[in-house]
Amino acid sequence: MSNGLAPTPAGKKRPTWVVGGATIICFVVLLYVVEAWDALHHQELDADGIRPWTVDGLWGILWAPLLHANWEHLNGNAGFALVLGFLMTLIGMGRFVYATAIVWVLGGFGTWLIGNVGSSYETTHIGASGLIFGWLTFLVVFGFFTRHAWQIVVGVVVLFLYGGVLWGALPGTFGVSWQGHLCGGIAGVLAAYVVSGPERKARAKRPVGTAPRLSS
């Protein structure tokens, strides 16, 4: 009779929620690291945000979600980023990255286009709130595109808990980038439509008269 250790299954994947949670925590930690560096250097990075209708300001599309005006600004976004970002990862890491890229780039470009609307001076847009608005609207509508029951439930719950935040996409509070919120929100809906492509195509291939089916 011999004793031995059972071999560990090769290539065993960690659960999506573990990978997603770690990813979002690392992202939020990155935001705090960037803000700490910026605070030590008199917020000089804030000038690298989105400056509408300037060539240099286009680079801000890449950096703006990582930059914040101060600790209060960052703290106001961090909680939303943790919750909504984590829920986004539950659709799958590949889809999460794809959807986030769409929101990041299209939302940022939209902000570059309309960022000076309603202002009598040139503006610079920074903060993760545009990305957060994109995640929010994505989660609200994604389930209705895929027809997956649990994603519809998530969308309804998110709308109930955070729907009031969407008012921030309207002009109002001075110093708040409603343009970034609006463009991020629109980009989130577009991302949900694009990312739900496989489910929509599968429904389109079903024979006419086949009853739609919700899956969990």
Protein backbone atom coordinates (compact mmCIF):
# COMPACT_ATOMS: atom_id res chain seq x y z
CA MET A 1 0.00 0.00 0.00
CA SER A 2 1.42 3.40 -0.94
CA ASN A 3 0.62 6.93 0.05
CA GLY A 4 0.58 9.83 -2.37
CA LEU A 5 -0.88 13.21 -3.21
CA ALA A 6 -3.73 13.39 -5.66
CA PRO A 7 -2.75 15.49 -8.69
CA THR A 8 -4.33 18.93 -8.99
CA PRO A 9 -6.48 19.22 -12.11
CA ALA A 10 -4.45 21.05 -14.73
CA GLY A 11 -5.81 24.34 -16.05
CA LYS A 12 -8.65 24.56 -13.55
CA LYS A 13 -10.23 27.98 -13.92
CA ARG A 14 -11.18 30.21 -11.05
CA PRO A 15 -14.87 31.20 -10.87
CA THR A 16 -15.83 34.24 -12.92
CA TRP A 17 -16.93 36.15 -9.83
CA VAL A 18 -13.49 35.68 -8.24
CA VAL A 19 -11.62 36.87 -11.32
CA GLY A 20 -14.09 39.70 -11.83
CA GLY A 21 -13.95 40.84 -8.23
CA ALA A 22 -10.15 40.87 -8.25
CA THR A 23 -10.14 42.77 -11.55
CA ILE A 24 -12.45 45.52 -10.34
CA ILE A 25 -10.65 45.88 -7.03
CA CYS A 26 -7.36 46.26 -8.90
CA PHE A 27 -8.95 48.88 -11.16
CA VAL A 28 -10.20 50.93 -8.22
CA VAL A 29 -6.84 50.58 -6.48
CA LEU A 30 -5.24 51.92 -9.67
CA LEU A 31 -7.53 54.96 -9.49
CA TYR A 32 -6.33 55.66 -5.95
CA VAL A 33 -2.69 55.19 -6.92
CA VAL A 34 -3.07 57.65 -9.79
CA GLU A 35 -4.83 60.18 -7.55
CA ALA A 36 -2.15 59.82 -4.87
CA TRP A 37 0.57 60.55 -7.40
CA ASP A 38 -1.44 63.46 -8.81
CA ALA A 39 -2.08 64.93 -5.36
CA LEU A 40 1.66 64.89 -4.66
CA HIS A 41 2.27 66.75 -7.92
CA HIS A 42 -0.37 69.48 -7.49
CA GLN A 43 -2.98 67.74 -9.69
CA GLU A 44 -0.93 68.35 -12.81
CA LEU A 45 -2.34 65.24 -14.51
CA ASP A 46 -5.82 66.75 -14.55
CA ALA A 47 -4.81 68.84 -17.55
CA ASP A 48 -4.57 65.58 -19.52
CA GLY A 49 -8.33 65.06 -19.51
CA ILE A 50 -10.67 65.43 -22.48
CA ARG A 51 -10.48 68.94 -23.94
CA PRO A 52 -13.24 69.23 -26.57
CA TRP A 53 -12.31 70.09 -30.12
CA THR A 54 -8.57 70.19 -29.53
CA VAL A 55 -6.19 67.71 -31.13
CA ASP A 56 -4.24 67.23 -27.90
CA GLY A 57 -7.52 66.79 -26.06
CA LEU A 58 -8.20 63.59 -27.99
CA TRP A 59 -5.51 61.86 -25.91
CA GLY A 60 -7.68 62.62 -22.91
CA ILE A 61 -10.10 59.94 -24.10
CA LEU A 62 -7.53 57.38 -22.94
CA TRP A 63 -6.66 59.03 -19.61
CA ALA A 64 -9.79 60.85 -18.41
CA PRO A 65 -11.46 57.89 -16.60
CA LEU A 66 -8.30 57.43 -14.53
CA LEU A 67 -8.09 61.07 -13.38
CA HIS A 68 -10.02 62.84 -10.64
CA ALA A 69 -10.08 66.42 -9.40
CA ASN A 70 -9.53 65.47 -5.74
CA TRP A 71 -10.10 62.73 -3.17
CA GLU A 72 -13.77 63.67 -2.76
CA HIS A 73 -14.34 63.28 -6.48
CA LEU A 74 -12.66 59.87 -6.49
CA ASN A 75 -14.45 58.66 -3.37
CA GLY A 76 -17.77 59.58 -4.97
CA ASN A 77 -17.02 57.34 -7.94
CA ALA A 78 -15.23 54.44 -6.25
CA GLY A 79 -18.28 52.78 -4.70
CA PHE A 80 -20.24 52.84 -7.95
CA ALA A 81 -17.23 51.49 -9.82
CA LEU A 82 -16.86 48.57 -7.42
CA VAL A 83 -20.51 47.50 -7.54
CA LEU A 84 -21.35 48.15 -11.18
CA GLY A 85 -17.96 47.02 -12.42
CA PHE A 86 -18.27 43.74 -10.55
CA LEU A 87 -21.74 43.12 -11.96
CA MET A 88 -20.35 43.80 -15.42
CA THR A 89 -17.71 41.10 -15.03
CA LEU A 90 -20.40 38.49 -14.39
CA ILE A 91 -21.31 38.55 -18.10
CA GLY A 92 -17.86 37.07 -18.77
CA MET A 93 -14.44 38.69 -18.73
CA GLY A 94 -14.14 38.81 -22.51
CA ARG A 95 -17.46 40.58 -22.86
CA PHE A 96 -16.66 42.85 -19.92
CA VAL A 97 -13.42 44.02 -21.56
CA TYR A 98 -15.14 44.48 -24.93
CA ALA A 99 -18.05 46.46 -23.48
CA THR A 100 -15.76 48.58 -21.31
CA ALA A 101 -13.58 49.43 -24.32
CA ILE A 102 -16.65 50.56 -26.27
CA VAL A 103 -17.87 52.75 -23.43
CA TRP A 104 -14.38 54.11 -22.72
CA VAL A 105 -13.65 55.10 -26.33
CA LEU A 106 -17.08 56.04 -27.71
CA GLY A 107 -18.17 57.75 -24.52
CA GLY A 108 -14.93 59.69 -24.43
CA PHE A 109 -15.14 60.65 -28.09
CA GLY A 110 -18.72 61.83 -27.63
CA THR A 111 -17.56 63.97 -24.71
CA TRP A 112 -14.83 65.41 -26.92
CA LEU A 113 -17.48 66.36 -29.47
CA ILE A 114 -20.05 68.00 -27.17
CA GLY A 115 -18.04 68.74 -24.04
CA ASN A 116 -18.25 72.52 -24.48
CA VAL A 117 -22.00 72.56 -25.09
CA GLY A 118 -23.69 74.82 -22.56
CA SER A 119 -20.41 76.35 -21.38
CA SER A 120 -19.14 79.82 -22.14
CA TYR A 121 -15.54 78.67 -21.64
CA GLU A 122 -13.32 75.76 -22.65
CA THR A 123 -13.69 72.72 -20.41
CA THR A 124 -11.57 69.73 -19.42
CA HIS A 125 -13.40 66.53 -18.54
CA ILE A 126 -11.97 63.99 -16.10
CA GLY A 127 -13.28 61.21 -13.89
CA ALA A 128 -14.58 57.65 -14.09
CA SER A 129 -18.22 58.73 -13.97
CA GLY A 130 -18.65 58.51 -17.75
CA LEU A 131 -17.47 54.90 -17.61
CA ILE A 132 -19.75 54.26 -14.63
CA PHE A 133 -22.77 55.67 -16.49
CA GLY A 134 -21.91 53.37 -19.38
CA TRP A 135 -21.76 50.34 -17.10
CA LEU A 136 -25.06 51.39 -15.53
CA THR A 137 -27.00 51.71 -18.77
CA PHE A 138 -25.37 48.54 -20.11
CA LEU A 139 -26.59 46.53 -17.15
CA VAL A 140 -30.08 48.02 -17.37
CA VAL A 141 -30.66 47.08 -21.03
CA PHE A 142 -28.38 44.08 -21.65
CA GLY A 143 -30.86 41.51 -20.37
CA PHE A 144 -33.58 42.78 -22.69
CA PHE A 145 -31.25 42.22 -25.64
CA THR A 146 -30.14 38.73 -24.57
CA ARG A 147 -33.49 37.62 -23.08
CA HIS A 148 -31.62 35.88 -20.24
CA ALA A 149 -33.77 35.93 -17.12
CA TRP A 150 -31.01 36.59 -14.59
CA GLN A 151 -29.63 39.48 -16.67
CA ILE A 152 -33.08 41.02 -16.89
CA VAL A 153 -33.41 40.75 -13.11
CA VAL A 154 -30.00 42.36 -12.64
CA GLY A 155 -31.05 45.20 -14.95
CA VAL A 156 -34.27 45.84 -13.06
CA VAL A 157 -32.49 45.79 -9.69
CA VAL A 158 -29.75 48.11 -10.94
CA LEU A 159 -32.34 50.51 -12.34
CA PHE A 160 -34.25 50.47 -9.04
CA LEU A 161 -31.14 51.07 -6.92
CA TYR A 162 -29.18 53.43 -9.13
CA GLY A 163 -31.66 54.78 -11.67
CA GLY A 164 -31.79 58.14 -9.94
CA VAL A 165 -28.15 58.69 -10.85
CA LEU A 166 -29.18 58.97 -14.50
CA TRP A 167 -30.46 62.48 -13.84
CA GLY A 168 -26.79 63.41 -13.82
CA ALA A 169 -26.84 63.08 -17.61
CA LEU A 170 -28.87 66.30 -17.81
CA PRO A 171 -27.47 69.84 -17.58
CA GLY A 172 -27.60 71.19 -14.08
CA THR A 173 -24.87 71.21 -11.46
CA PHE A 174 -21.97 73.53 -12.18
CA GLY A 175 -18.66 71.71 -12.51
CA VAL A 176 -20.28 68.33 -13.24
CA SER A 177 -19.66 66.83 -16.69
CA TRP A 178 -23.21 66.03 -17.70
CA GLN A 179 -21.83 65.69 -21.24
CA GLY A 180 -19.54 62.87 -20.09
CA HIS A 181 -22.40 61.20 -18.23
CA LEU A 182 -24.72 61.46 -21.24
CA CYS A 183 -22.16 60.15 -23.73
CA GLY A 184 -21.10 57.36 -21.41
CA GLY A 185 -24.71 56.32 -20.93
CA ILE A 186 -25.41 56.28 -24.66
CA ALA A 187 -22.21 54.31 -25.27
CA GLY A 188 -23.34 51.79 -22.64
CA VAL A 189 -26.56 51.11 -24.55
CA LEU A 190 -24.61 50.73 -27.81
CA ALA A 191 -22.16 48.38 -26.10
CA ALA A 192 -25.01 46.23 -24.78
CA TYR A 193 -26.45 45.97 -28.28
CA VAL A 194 -23.11 45.02 -29.84
CA VAL A 195 -22.09 42.56 -27.12
CA SER A 196 -25.49 40.84 -27.21
CA GLY A 197 -25.00 40.05 -30.89
CA PRO A 198 -24.72 36.24 -30.51
CA GLU A 199 -28.03 36.01 -28.62
CA ARG A 200 -29.83 38.28 -31.05
CA LYS A 201 -28.53 36.33 -34.05
CA ALA A 202 -29.58 33.04 -32.45
CA ARG A 203 -33.13 34.36 -31.99
CA ALA A 204 -33.22 35.56 -35.59
CA LYS A 205 -32.39 32.04 -36.81
CA ARG A 206 -35.25 30.43 -34.91
CA PRO A 207 -38.13 29.25 -37.13
CA VAL A 208 -41.00 31.67 -37.43
CA GLY A 209 -43.66 30.90 -34.85
CA THR A 210 -41.24 29.47 -32.30
CA ALA A 211 -42.09 30.85 -28.89
CA PRO A 212 -39.33 32.98 -27.31
CA ARG A 213 -37.63 31.35 -24.35
CA LEU A 214 -36.05 32.99 -21.35
CA SER A 215 -32.97 31.32 -19.95
CA SER A 216 -31.26 31.73 -16.62
